[in-house]
Amino acid sequence: MKYMGSKNRLAKYILPIILKNKKQNQVYVEPFCGGCNSMDKVTGCVRIANDINEYLIATFKAAQSGWIPPGLITEEQYKEIQNNKDKIIKTNFLKN
């Protein structure tokens, strides 16, 4: 399913404006990273992704730590995750 809020199709218009005066190794902060469809096009600088969706960020952090998402989940598993996401996220992804 295509995410309708994606900045991907706008990136070619907005990134040249945002990055116009970018210097090598400058920090680029994406405050609404979502699927990182704009951020993946930014090169030559330190990139920091942020988002208000704590579950999205927890998922990205887990992937950086080596977690591989399942290729398929059942509808029952999906509903279980939706109904218990705080417990699941804290138990599986927010380990210190």
Foldseek 3Di string as FASTA:
>chain_A
DDDPVDCLVVLVPPVCVVCVPPDAQAEDEDADCVVVNNVVVDDRYHYHYHHPPPLVVLVVQVVVVPDDDDPDDDPVVVVVCVVCVVVCSVVPRVDD
